[in-house]
Amino acid sequence: MFLFCMVTTMNDPKVIVALDYPTAQDALDMADRLDPKMCRVKVGKELFTVAGPDVVKQLMAKGFDVFLDLKFHDIPNTVAAAVKVAAQMGVWMVNVHASGGSRMMRAAREAVDSVANNVTHLIAVTVLTSMSPEDLSETGISKSPLEQVLYLADLAKQAGMDGVVCSAQETQTLRKALGDDFLLVTPGIRMPGDSAGDQRRVVSPADALKNGSSYLVMGRSITGAVDPISVLNEVNGYQ
C-alpha cells in the first residue's frame, strides 16, 4: 500500500523558516527537509556569525529565497554599505532597525537601489516581539508597543522601506494606516499549543494571515516538528 502526501506549492510562499542553528551543517540539514516551493528561509545573527555569507550562498544554491535577518543599526554610511553587500549577494530580503532613524533608512534605500538588477526587499524592524510595555518603559519609551510600532512603521514608509517587521497583533492597525502594498513581516508565530518561548506578542498562523501579515516567520514550530513539510502544508492551507 502506498501513502501519498499532499504538498502545497505556490509562487509566493508566505512562510519564512528561521534557521536558528549554531552550525552551517545543522541549517543545511534542515533546509534539505524543507521545500523552496513551500517556504523561504531566514538566516539570523547566530548562524551568520558562525557561518558567514557562505551559508547564505549555499541556501540560495538549493533554491531558497533568503531573508538575511541581521537588523542593521549603525551610522548611515555603515548600514548603507552593509545592505548594499546583501543586495549584491542577491538575498530576497534584508532588514535594518527603524529606530536608527530616517537618515539611516534613506541611506540604506539608496544603497540597495544602486545595485544593478536588484531583487532585494528592504524592511525595517519596529518593536521586537519579545518586548513588553515594561521593556519599552525601561528604555525610556512611554508609548505602548502598538503606538511605538505605528510611529516607527510610518517613519519607515516615509523613508522608502518596502515594509516592516512587527507583531501580527499589530497588523490590522498597520494595514489600515499604511496600505495593502506595504510588507508586514511577522515573527512570534506559533501553532496552537506550541510554547511561546521568549516571545511576548504571539499569534497563530491563521490569525496572522487573517489580520493582514504578508509573511510569517516561524522557527521551532517547523524546525522542531517530526515532519516539517506537514506543518508547512497546514500553514499554507490557511492562505
Protein backbone atom coordinates (compact mmCIF):
# COMPACT_ATOMS: atom_id res chain seq x y z
CA MET A 1 0.00 0.00 0.00
CA PHE A 2 1.32 3.41 -0.96
CA LEU A 3 0.86 6.52 1.16
CA PHE A 4 0.56 9.83 -0.65
CA CYS A 5 1.42 13.19 0.92
CA MET A 6 -0.18 16.32 -0.50
CA VAL A 7 2.42 19.06 -0.95
CA THR A 8 1.18 22.62 -1.34
CA THR A 9 3.38 24.78 -3.57
CA MET A 10 2.95 28.40 -4.56
CA ASN A 11 4.61 31.27 -6.40
CA ASP A 12 4.85 33.45 -3.30
CA PRO A 13 5.13 31.26 -0.18
CA LYS A 14 4.24 33.18 2.96
CA VAL A 15 6.24 31.14 5.49
CA ILE A 16 9.82 32.10 6.30
CA VAL A 17 11.51 29.33 8.27
CA ALA A 18 14.01 30.63 10.82
CA LEU A 19 17.19 28.55 10.59
CA ASP A 20 18.43 29.46 14.05
CA TYR A 21 21.23 26.93 14.35
CA PRO A 22 24.77 27.00 15.79
CA THR A 23 26.39 25.45 12.70
CA ALA A 24 26.02 25.70 8.95
CA GLN A 25 25.59 21.93 8.66
CA ASP A 26 22.64 21.93 11.04
CA ALA A 27 20.98 24.66 8.97
CA LEU A 28 21.67 22.94 5.68
CA ASP A 29 20.38 19.62 7.02
CA MET A 30 17.10 21.30 7.98
CA ALA A 31 16.93 23.00 4.59
CA ASP A 32 17.13 19.56 3.00
CA ARG A 33 13.96 18.62 4.90
CA LEU A 34 12.12 21.67 3.52
CA ASP A 35 10.93 22.64 0.04
CA PRO A 36 11.81 26.03 -1.52
CA LYS A 37 8.45 25.98 -3.30
CA MET A 38 6.70 25.93 0.09
CA CYS A 39 8.74 28.38 2.14
CA ARG A 40 11.59 30.83 2.35
CA VAL A 41 14.34 30.68 4.95
CA LYS A 42 15.83 33.16 7.41
CA VAL A 43 19.48 33.47 8.37
CA GLY A 44 19.91 35.37 11.62
CA LYS A 45 22.77 36.57 13.79
CA GLU A 46 23.79 33.24 15.33
CA LEU A 47 24.05 31.33 12.07
CA PHE A 48 25.59 34.22 10.13
CA THR A 49 28.19 34.85 12.83
CA VAL A 50 29.37 31.24 12.77
CA ALA A 51 28.99 30.53 9.04
CA GLY A 52 29.08 33.88 7.25
CA PRO A 53 28.00 34.57 3.65
CA ASP A 54 28.85 31.03 2.53
CA VAL A 55 25.78 29.55 4.20
CA VAL A 56 23.58 32.16 2.53
CA LYS A 57 25.03 31.23 -0.85
CA GLN A 58 24.58 27.51 -0.14
CA LEU A 59 20.92 28.01 0.77
CA MET A 60 20.36 30.06 -2.36
CA ALA A 61 22.02 27.32 -4.41
CA LYS A 62 19.41 24.91 -3.01
CA GLY A 63 16.72 27.18 -4.47
CA PHE A 64 15.68 29.08 -1.34
CA ASP A 65 14.90 32.77 -1.11
CA VAL A 66 16.89 34.04 1.88
CA PHE A 67 15.85 36.66 4.42
CA LEU A 68 19.09 37.99 5.91
CA ASP A 69 17.91 38.98 9.37
CA LEU A 70 20.83 40.98 10.79
CA LYS A 71 18.84 44.05 11.93
CA PHE A 72 21.49 46.61 11.00
CA HIS A 73 21.56 49.65 13.30
CA ASP A 74 24.56 51.96 12.93
CA ILE A 75 25.62 55.21 11.32
CA PRO A 76 24.07 55.73 7.85
CA ASN A 77 27.23 55.03 5.84
CA THR A 78 27.92 51.76 7.65
CA VAL A 79 24.37 50.49 7.27
CA ALA A 80 24.24 51.55 3.63
CA ALA A 81 27.43 49.63 2.88
CA ALA A 82 26.16 46.52 4.65
CA VAL A 83 22.77 46.34 2.92
CA LYS A 84 24.43 47.02 -0.44
CA VAL A 85 26.59 43.92 0.03
CA ALA A 86 23.46 41.93 0.94
CA ALA A 87 21.71 43.12 -2.22
CA GLN A 88 24.76 42.27 -4.31
CA MET A 89 24.61 38.74 -2.85
CA GLY A 90 21.05 38.54 -4.16
CA VAL A 91 19.24 37.93 -0.88
CA TRP A 92 15.48 38.16 -1.11
CA MET A 93 15.13 40.37 1.97
CA VAL A 94 17.32 42.26 4.45
CA ASN A 95 16.43 44.43 7.44
CA VAL A 96 17.54 47.42 9.46
CA HIS A 97 16.26 48.91 12.72
CA ALA A 98 13.71 51.69 12.18
CA SER A 99 14.92 53.24 15.43
CA GLY A 100 18.12 54.09 13.56
CA GLY A 101 16.16 56.98 12.09
CA SER A 102 15.04 58.20 8.70
CA ARG A 103 18.50 59.37 7.58
CA MET A 104 19.91 55.89 8.15
CA MET A 105 16.98 54.23 6.39
CA ARG A 106 17.15 56.58 3.39
CA ALA A 107 20.86 55.84 3.03
CA ALA A 108 20.08 52.11 3.08
CA ARG A 109 17.35 52.59 0.47
CA GLU A 110 19.69 54.46 -1.87
CA ALA A 111 22.38 51.81 -1.44
CA VAL A 112 20.08 48.91 -2.27
CA ASP A 113 18.60 50.77 -5.24
CA SER A 114 22.11 51.37 -6.61
CA VAL A 115 22.63 47.63 -7.16
CA ALA A 116 22.02 46.55 -10.74
CA ASN A 117 19.11 44.15 -11.22
CA ASN A 118 18.26 44.47 -7.54
CA VAL A 119 15.76 41.90 -6.23
CA THR A 120 16.14 42.60 -2.51
CA HIS A 121 13.30 43.77 -0.27
CA LEU A 122 14.48 46.27 2.34
CA ILE A 123 12.43 46.30 5.53
CA ALA A 124 12.73 47.85 8.99
CA VAL A 125 12.31 46.36 12.47
CA THR A 126 9.82 48.27 14.63
CA VAL A 127 9.49 46.78 18.14
CA LEU A 128 10.84 43.30 18.81
CA THR A 129 8.10 40.76 19.52
CA SER A 130 9.93 39.79 22.70
CA MET A 131 9.34 43.26 24.17
CA SER A 132 6.52 44.09 26.61
CA PRO A 133 5.27 47.55 27.68
CA GLU A 134 7.55 47.25 30.70
CA ASP A 135 10.56 46.61 28.45
CA LEU A 136 9.79 49.72 26.40
CA SER A 137 9.34 51.83 29.52
CA GLU A 138 12.71 50.64 30.79
CA THR A 139 14.35 52.11 27.67
CA GLY A 140 12.65 55.47 28.10
CA ILE A 141 9.76 54.94 25.68
CA SER A 142 6.41 55.89 27.20
CA LYS A 143 4.32 54.76 24.22
CA SER A 144 2.55 51.39 24.21
CA PRO A 145 4.05 48.75 21.88
CA LEU A 146 1.28 49.41 19.33
CA GLU A 147 1.82 53.17 19.41
CA GLN A 148 5.58 52.78 19.03
CA VAL A 149 5.20 50.24 16.22
CA LEU A 150 2.82 52.52 14.33
CA TYR A 151 5.15 55.50 14.80
CA LEU A 152 8.23 53.62 13.57
CA ALA A 153 6.35 51.92 10.71
CA ASP A 154 5.15 55.29 9.42
CA LEU A 155 8.71 56.63 9.69
CA ALA A 156 9.97 53.59 7.77
CA LYS A 157 7.44 54.02 4.97
CA GLN A 158 8.32 57.70 4.60
CA ALA A 159 12.00 56.71 4.37
CA GLY A 160 11.24 54.34 1.48
CA MET A 161 11.27 50.96 3.19
CA ASP A 162 9.34 48.15 1.48
CA GLY A 163 7.81 47.11 4.79
CA VAL A 164 8.43 46.43 8.46
CA VAL A 165 8.86 43.65 10.96
CA CYS A 166 6.08 43.74 13.56
CA SER A 167 3.86 41.51 15.66
CA ALA A 168 0.81 40.05 13.97
CA GLN A 169 -1.16 41.58 16.84
CA GLU A 170 -0.45 44.95 15.22
CA THR A 171 -1.01 44.14 11.55
CA GLN A 172 -4.66 45.16 11.33
CA THR A 173 -3.85 48.67 12.54
CA LEU A 174 -0.78 48.94 10.32
CA ARG A 175 -2.57 47.61 7.27
CA LYS A 176 -5.29 50.25 7.61
CA ALA A 177 -2.76 53.03 8.19
CA LEU A 178 -0.10 52.09 5.62
CA GLY A 179 -1.97 50.37 2.78
CA ASP A 180 -2.07 46.98 1.11
CA ASP A 181 1.30 47.17 -0.67
CA PHE A 182 3.42 47.71 2.46
CA LEU A 183 5.02 44.44 3.59
CA LEU A 184 4.26 43.30 7.14
CA VAL A 185 6.66 40.53 8.22
CA THR A 186 5.59 38.92 11.47
CA PRO A 187 7.69 36.77 13.81
CA GLY A 188 6.23 35.39 17.04
CA ILE A 189 4.07 32.93 15.08
CA ARG A 190 3.18 29.76 16.93
CA MET A 191 1.00 26.80 16.06
CA PRO A 192 -1.87 26.24 18.53
CA GLY A 193 -0.48 24.51 21.62
CA ASP A 194 3.14 25.48 21.00
CA SER A 195 5.18 27.22 23.69
CA ALA A 196 5.60 30.99 23.30
CA GLY A 197 9.27 30.69 24.29
CA ASP A 198 10.88 34.11 24.74
CA GLN A 199 8.22 35.86 22.66
CA ARG A 200 5.61 38.11 24.28
CA ARG A 201 3.27 39.04 21.42
CA VAL A 202 2.45 35.72 19.73
CA VAL A 203 -0.25 34.85 17.18
CA SER A 204 -1.30 31.68 15.33
CA PRO A 205 -0.61 31.42 11.57
CA ALA A 206 -4.30 31.51 10.65
CA ASP A 207 -4.93 34.63 12.73
CA ALA A 208 -1.77 36.32 11.46
CA LEU A 209 -2.80 35.91 7.83
CA LYS A 210 -6.35 36.98 8.64
CA ASN A 211 -5.00 40.10 10.35
CA GLY A 212 -3.00 41.10 7.26
CA SER A 213 0.50 39.66 7.66
CA SER A 214 2.43 39.48 4.39
CA TYR A 215 4.93 36.87 5.60
CA LEU A 216 5.15 34.67 8.69
CA VAL A 217 8.49 33.97 10.37
CA MET A 218 8.30 30.56 12.03
CA GLY A 219 11.06 28.69 13.81
CA ARG A 220 10.60 25.91 16.33
CA SER A 221 7.02 25.15 15.26
CA ILE A 222 8.51 23.89 12.00
CA THR A 223 12.15 23.07 12.72
CA GLY A 224 11.20 21.16 15.86
CA ALA A 225 8.47 19.17 14.15
CA VAL A 226 8.81 15.48 13.35
CA ASP A 227 7.54 16.26 9.83
CA PRO A 228 8.27 19.91 8.89
CA ILE A 229 6.58 19.51 5.49
CA SER A 230 3.29 18.54 7.11
CA VAL A 231 3.37 21.73 9.21
CA LEU A 232 4.13 23.78 6.10
CA ASN A 233 1.21 22.13 4.34
CA GLU A 234 -1.07 23.04 7.21
CA VAL A 235 0.06 26.66 7.35
CA ASN A 236 -0.01 27.09 3.58
CA GLY A 237 -3.56 25.81 3.64
CA TYR A 238 -4.63 28.94 5.54
CA GLN A 239 -3.79 31.16 2.56
